[in-house]
PDB file of all heavy atoms in Angstrom:
ATOM      1  N   ALA A   1      52.425  48.428 -64.914  1.00  0.00           N
ATOM      2  CA  ALA A   1      53.368  49.528 -65.136  1.00  0.00           C
ATOM      3  C   ALA A   1      54.482  49.103 -66.086  1.00  0.00           C
ATOM      4  O   ALA A   1      54.924  49.886 -66.939  1.00  0.00           O
ATOM      5  CB  ALA A   1      53.951  49.997 -63.803  1.00  0.00           C
ATOM      6  N   LEU A   2      54.940  47.878 -65.950  1.00  0.00           N
ATOM      7  CA  LEU A   2      55.965  47.367 -66.866  1.00  0.00           C
ATOM      8  C   LEU A   2      55.436  47.329 -68.295  1.00  0.00           C
ATOM      9  O   LEU A   2      56.164  47.634 -69.250  1.00  0.00           O
ATOM     10  CB  LEU A   2      56.413  45.973 -66.428  1.00  0.00           C
ATOM     11  CG  LEU A   2      57.272  45.901 -65.170  1.00  0.00           C
ATOM     12  CD1 LEU A   2      57.365  44.458 -64.670  1.00  0.00           C
ATOM     13  CD2 LEU A   2      58.674  46.459 -65.438  1.00  0.00           C
ATOM     14  N   ALA A   3      54.178  46.939 -68.449  1.00  0.00           N
ATOM     15  CA  ALA A   3      53.582  46.894 -69.782  1.00  0.00           C
ATOM     16  C   ALA A   3      53.521  48.286 -70.394  1.00  0.00           C
ATOM     17  O   ALA A   3      53.805  48.471 -71.589  1.00  0.00           O
ATOM     18  CB  ALA A   3      52.191  46.277 -69.702  1.00  0.00           C
ATOM     19  N   THR A   4      53.143  49.284 -69.598  1.00  0.00           N
ATOM     20  CA  THR A   4      53.110  50.662 -70.083  1.00  0.00           C
ATOM     21  C   THR A   4      54.496  51.121 -70.507  1.00  0.00           C
ATOM     22  O   THR A   4      54.668  51.752 -71.556  1.00  0.00           O
ATOM     23  CB  THR A   4      52.553  51.595 -68.992  1.00  0.00           C
ATOM     24  OG1 THR A   4      51.232  51.180 -68.649  1.00  0.00           O
ATOM     25  CG2 THR A   4      52.529  53.038 -69.460  1.00  0.00           C
ATOM     26  N   MET A   5      55.496  50.791 -69.692  1.00  0.00           N
ATOM     27  CA  MET A   5      56.873  51.144 -70.019  1.00  0.00           C
ATOM     28  C   MET A   5      57.305  50.502 -71.327  1.00  0.00           C
ATOM     29  O   MET A   5      57.905  51.151 -72.194  1.00  0.00           O
ATOM     30  CB  MET A   5      57.793  50.690 -68.878  1.00  0.00           C
ATOM     31  CG  MET A   5      59.289  50.904 -69.114  1.00  0.00           C
ATOM     32  SD  MET A   5      60.137  49.624 -70.121  1.00  0.00           S
ATOM     33  CE  MET A   5      59.767  48.137 -69.204  1.00  0.00           C
ATOM     34  N   ARG A   6      56.974  49.218 -71.497  1.00  0.00           N
ATOM     35  CA  ARG A   6      57.429  48.506 -72.691  1.00  0.00           C
ATOM     36  C   ARG A   6      56.795  49.105 -73.950  1.00  0.00           C
ATOM     37  O   ARG A   6      57.448  49.209 -74.992  1.00  0.00           O
ATOM     38  CB  ARG A   6      57.101  47.015 -72.561  1.00  0.00           C
ATOM     39  CG  ARG A   6      57.686  46.171 -73.690  1.00  0.00           C
ATOM     40  CD  ARG A   6      57.459  44.681 -73.445  1.00  0.00           C
ATOM     41  NE  ARG A   6      57.847  43.903 -74.607  1.00  0.00           N
ATOM     42  CZ  ARG A   6      59.055  43.391 -74.820  1.00  0.00           C
ATOM     43  NH1 ARG A   6      60.007  43.566 -73.921  1.00  0.00           N
ATOM     44  NH2 ARG A   6      59.315  42.706 -75.916  1.00  0.00           N
ATOM     45  N   ARG A   7      55.529  49.483 -73.856  1.00  0.00           N
ATOM     46  CA  ARG A   7      54.875  50.103 -75.012  1.00  0.00           C
ATOM     47  C   ARG A   7      55.547  51.417 -75.394  1.00  0.00           C
ATOM     48  O   ARG A   7      55.561  51.799 -76.576  1.00  0.00           O
ATOM     49  CB  ARG A   7      53.391  50.337 -74.718  1.00  0.00           C
ATOM     50  CG  ARG A   7      52.538  49.082 -74.783  1.00  0.00           C
ATOM     51  CD  ARG A   7      51.059  49.429 -74.831  1.00  0.00           C
ATOM     52  NE  ARG A   7      50.607  50.062 -73.600  1.00  0.00           N
ATOM     53  CZ  ARG A   7      50.094  49.394 -72.564  1.00  0.00           C
ATOM     54  NH1 ARG A   7      49.968  48.077 -72.614  1.00  0.00           N
ATOM     55  NH2 ARG A   7      49.693  50.039 -71.485  1.00  0.00           N
ATOM     56  N   ALA A   8      56.105  52.118 -74.400  1.00  0.00           N
ATOM     57  CA  ALA A   8      56.745  53.412 -74.650  1.00  0.00           C
ATOM     58  C   ALA A   8      58.206  53.278 -75.040  1.00  0.00           C
ATOM     59  O   ALA A   8      58.867  54.295 -75.285  1.00  0.00           O
ATOM     60  CB  ALA A   8      56.620  54.295 -73.407  1.00  0.00           C
ATOM     61  N   ALA A   9      58.727  52.061 -75.094  1.00  0.00           N
ATOM     62  CA  ALA A   9      60.145  51.833 -75.381  1.00  0.00           C
ATOM     63  C   ALA A   9      60.286  50.881 -76.557  1.00  0.00           C
ATOM     64  O   ALA A   9      60.462  49.666 -76.364  1.00  0.00           O
ATOM     65  CB  ALA A   9      60.853  51.276 -74.145  1.00  0.00           C
ATOM     66  N   PRO A  10      60.176  51.377 -77.787  1.00  0.00           N
ATOM     67  CA  PRO A  10      60.236  50.490 -78.956  1.00  0.00           C
ATOM     68  C   PRO A  10      61.531  49.706 -79.062  1.00  0.00           C
ATOM     69  O   PRO A  10      61.563  48.684 -79.758  1.00  0.00           O
ATOM     70  CB  PRO A  10      60.056  51.455 -80.133  1.00  0.00           C
ATOM     71  CG  PRO A  10      60.343  52.821 -79.602  1.00  0.00           C
ATOM     72  CD  PRO A  10      59.960  52.788 -78.159  1.00  0.00           C
ATOM     73  N   ALA A  11      62.577  50.147 -78.396  1.00  0.00           N
ATOM     74  CA  ALA A  11      63.833  49.391 -78.443  1.00  0.00           C
ATOM     75  C   ALA A  11      63.678  47.996 -77.854  1.00  0.00           C
ATOM     76  O   ALA A  11      64.442  47.084 -78.195  1.00  0.00           O
ATOM     77  CB  ALA A  11      64.932  50.145 -77.701  1.00  0.00           C
ATOM     78  N   LEU A  12      62.677  47.801 -76.982  1.00  0.00           N
ATOM     79  CA  LEU A  12      62.498  46.490 -76.357  1.00  0.00           C
ATOM     80  C   LEU A  12      61.760  45.521 -77.268  1.00  0.00           C
ATOM     81  O   LEU A  12      62.000  44.310 -77.215  1.00  0.00           O
ATOM     82  CB  LEU A  12      61.759  46.642 -75.029  1.00  0.00           C
ATOM     83  CG  LEU A  12      62.536  47.376 -73.942  1.00  0.00           C
ATOM     84  CD1 LEU A  12      61.677  47.556 -72.693  1.00  0.00           C
ATOM     85  CD2 LEU A  12      63.827  46.630 -73.582  1.00  0.00           C
ATOM     86  N   SER A  13      60.843  46.009 -78.074  1.00  0.00           N
ATOM     87  CA  SER A  13      60.127  45.118 -78.985  1.00  0.00           C
ATOM     88  C   SER A  13      60.896  44.881 -80.278  1.00  0.00           C
ATOM     89  O   SER A  13      60.492  44.047 -81.097  1.00  0.00           O
ATOM     90  CB  SER A  13      58.743  45.682 -79.296  1.00  0.00           C
ATOM     91  OG  SER A  13      58.843  46.971 -79.855  1.00  0.00           O
ATOM     92  N   ASP A  14      61.982  45.584 -80.458  1.00  0.00           N
ATOM     93  CA  ASP A  14      62.824  45.420 -81.648  1.00  0.00           C
ATOM     94  C   ASP A  14      63.487  44.041 -81.606  1.00  0.00           C
ATOM     95  O   ASP A  14      64.075  43.653 -80.591  1.00  0.00           O
ATOM     96  CB  ASP A  14      63.884  46.518 -81.675  1.00  0.00           C
ATOM     97  CG  ASP A  14      64.542  46.676 -83.034  1.00  0.00           C
ATOM     98  OD1 ASP A  14      64.598  45.684 -83.786  1.00  0.00           O
ATOM     99  OD2 ASP A  14      65.020  47.783 -83.332  1.00  0.00           O
ATOM    100  N   THR A  15      63.389  43.291 -82.689  1.00  0.00           N
ATOM    101  CA  THR A  15      63.966  41.942 -82.718  1.00  0.00           C
ATOM    102  C   THR A  15      65.331  41.901 -83.406  1.00  0.00           C
ATOM    103  O   THR A  15      65.937  40.835 -83.511  1.00  0.00           O
ATOM    104  CB  THR A  15      63.026  40.966 -83.441  1.00  0.00           C
ATOM    105  OG1 THR A  15      62.828  41.400 -84.784  1.00  0.00           O
ATOM    106  CG2 THR A  15      61.680  40.876 -82.724  1.00  0.00           C
ATOM    107  N   ARG A  16      65.829  43.041 -83.873  1.00  0.00           N
ATOM    108  CA  ARG A  16      67.133  43.047 -84.535  1.00  0.00           C
ATOM    109  C   ARG A  16      68.245  42.831 -83.512  1.00  0.00           C
ATOM    110  O   ARG A  16      68.166  43.298 -82.378  1.00  0.00           O
ATOM    111  CB  ARG A  16      67.352  44.373 -85.267  1.00  0.00           C
ATOM    112  CG  ARG A  16      66.454  44.570 -86.477  1.00  0.00           C
ATOM    113  CD  ARG A  16      66.612  45.965 -87.056  1.00  0.00           C
ATOM    114  NE  ARG A  16      66.153  46.991 -86.112  1.00  0.00           N
ATOM    115  CZ  ARG A  16      66.148  48.295 -86.376  1.00  0.00           C
ATOM    116  NH1 ARG A  16      66.569  48.724 -87.547  1.00  0.00           N
ATOM    117  NH2 ARG A  16      65.711  49.154 -85.469  1.00  0.00           N
ATOM    118  N   PHE A  17      69.290  42.137 -83.957  1.00  0.00           N
ATOM    119  CA  PHE A  17      70.418  41.908 -83.069  1.00  0.00           C
ATOM    120  C   PHE A  17      71.187  43.210 -82.857  1.00  0.00           C
ATOM    121  O   PHE A  17      71.254  44.069 -83.744  1.00  0.00           O
ATOM    122  CB  PHE A  17      71.353  40.843 -83.630  1.00  0.00           C
ATOM    123  CG  PHE A  17      70.742  39.469 -83.650  1.00  0.00           C
ATOM    124  CD1 PHE A  17      70.610  38.761 -84.835  1.00  0.00           C
ATOM    125  CD2 PHE A  17      70.291  38.891 -82.481  1.00  0.00           C
ATOM    126  CE1 PHE A  17      70.034  37.500 -84.850  1.00  0.00           C
ATOM    127  CE2 PHE A  17      69.711  37.633 -82.476  1.00  0.00           C
ATOM    128  CZ  PHE A  17      69.587  36.942 -83.673  1.00  0.00           C
ATOM    129  N   LEU A  18      71.764  43.343 -81.674  1.00  0.00           N
ATOM    130  CA  LEU A  18      72.515  44.536 -81.300  1.00  0.00           C
ATOM    131  C   LEU A  18      73.978  44.395 -81.726  1.00  0.00           C
ATOM    132  O   LEU A  18      74.533  43.292 -81.747  1.00  0.00           O
ATOM    133  CB  LEU A  18      72.425  44.754 -79.797  1.00  0.00           C
ATOM    134  CG  LEU A  18      71.004  44.981 -79.259  1.00  0.00           C
ATOM    135  CD1 LEU A  18      70.973  44.851 -77.738  1.00  0.00           C
ATOM    136  CD2 LEU A  18      70.494  46.349 -79.689  1.00  0.00           C
ATOM    137  N   SER A  19      74.598  45.537 -82.018  1.00  0.00           N
ATOM    138  CA  SER A  19      75.996  45.520 -82.460  1.00  0.00           C
ATOM    139  C   SER A  19      76.929  46.294 -81.549  1.00  0.00           C
ATOM    140  O   SER A  19      78.145  46.132 -81.606  1.00  0.00           O
ATOM    141  CB  SER A  19      76.090  46.110 -83.875  1.00  0.00           C
ATOM    142  OG  SER A  19      75.755  47.498 -83.860  1.00  0.00           O
ATOM    143  N   GLY A  20      76.371  47.177 -80.720  1.00  0.00           N
ATOM    144  CA  GLY A  20      77.216  48.062 -79.922  1.00  0.00           C
ATOM    145  C   GLY A  20      77.672  49.284 -80.691  1.00  0.00           C
ATOM    146  O   GLY A  20      78.410  50.118 -80.168  1.00  0.00           O
ATOM    147  N   GLU A  21      77.210  49.420 -81.939  1.00  0.00           N
ATOM    148  CA  GLU A  21      77.550  50.551 -82.790  1.00  0.00           C
ATOM    149  C   GLU A  21      76.308  51.410 -83.023  1.00  0.00           C
ATOM    150  O   GLU A  21      75.176  50.926 -82.930  1.00  0.00           O
ATOM    151  CB  GLU A  21      78.091  50.059 -84.134  1.00  0.00           C
ATOM    152  CG  GLU A  21      79.330  49.185 -84.032  1.00  0.00           C
ATOM    153  CD  GLU A  21      80.522  49.939 -83.486  1.00  0.00           C
ATOM    154  OE1 GLU A  21      80.603  51.174 -83.722  1.00  0.00           O
ATOM    155  OE2 GLU A  21      81.371  49.316 -82.821  1.00  0.00           O
ATOM    156  N   PRO A  22      76.512  52.688 -83.377  1.00  0.00           N
ATOM    157  CA  PRO A  22      75.348  53.543 -83.671  1.00  0.00           C
ATOM    158  C   PRO A  22      74.655  53.096 -84.957  1.00  0.00           C
ATOM    159  O   PRO A  22      75.319  52.792 -85.949  1.00  0.00           O
ATOM    160  CB  PRO A  22      75.963  54.942 -83.842  1.00  0.00           C
ATOM    161  CG  PRO A  22      77.292  54.870 -83.181  1.00  0.00           C
ATOM    162  CD  PRO A  22      77.772  53.460 -83.363  1.00  0.00           C
ATOM    163  N   PRO A  23      73.328  53.035 -84.942  1.00  0.00           N
ATOM    164  CA  PRO A  23      72.602  52.752 -86.186  1.00  0.00           C
ATOM    165  C   PRO A  23      72.781  53.899 -87.171  1.00  0.00           C
ATOM    166  O   PRO A  23      73.216  55.001 -86.803  1.00  0.00           O
ATOM    167  CB  PRO A  23      71.141  52.638 -85.733  1.00  0.00           C
ATOM    168  CG  PRO A  23      71.182  52.557 -84.247  1.00  0.00           C
ATOM    169  CD  PRO A  23      72.436  53.210 -83.798  1.00  0.00           C
ATOM    170  N   VAL A  24      72.444  53.646 -88.405  1.00  0.00           N
ATOM    171  CA  VAL A  24      72.520  54.685 -89.429  1.00  0.00           C
ATOM    172  C   VAL A  24      71.644  55.870 -89.031  1.00  0.00           C
ATOM    173  O   VAL A  24      70.493  55.704 -88.634  1.00  0.00           O
ATOM    174  CB  VAL A  24      72.070  54.126 -90.797  1.00  0.00           C
ATOM    175  CG1 VAL A  24      72.053  55.244 -91.843  1.00  0.00           C
ATOM    176  CG2 VAL A  24      72.979  53.002 -91.249  1.00  0.00           C
TER     177      VAL A  24
END
């Protein structure tokens, strides 16, 4: 179930660092 969730949540596979600000 966790694997299914992760596939549906591209924010988790994203390797970019977070800023706390809205993306463009």
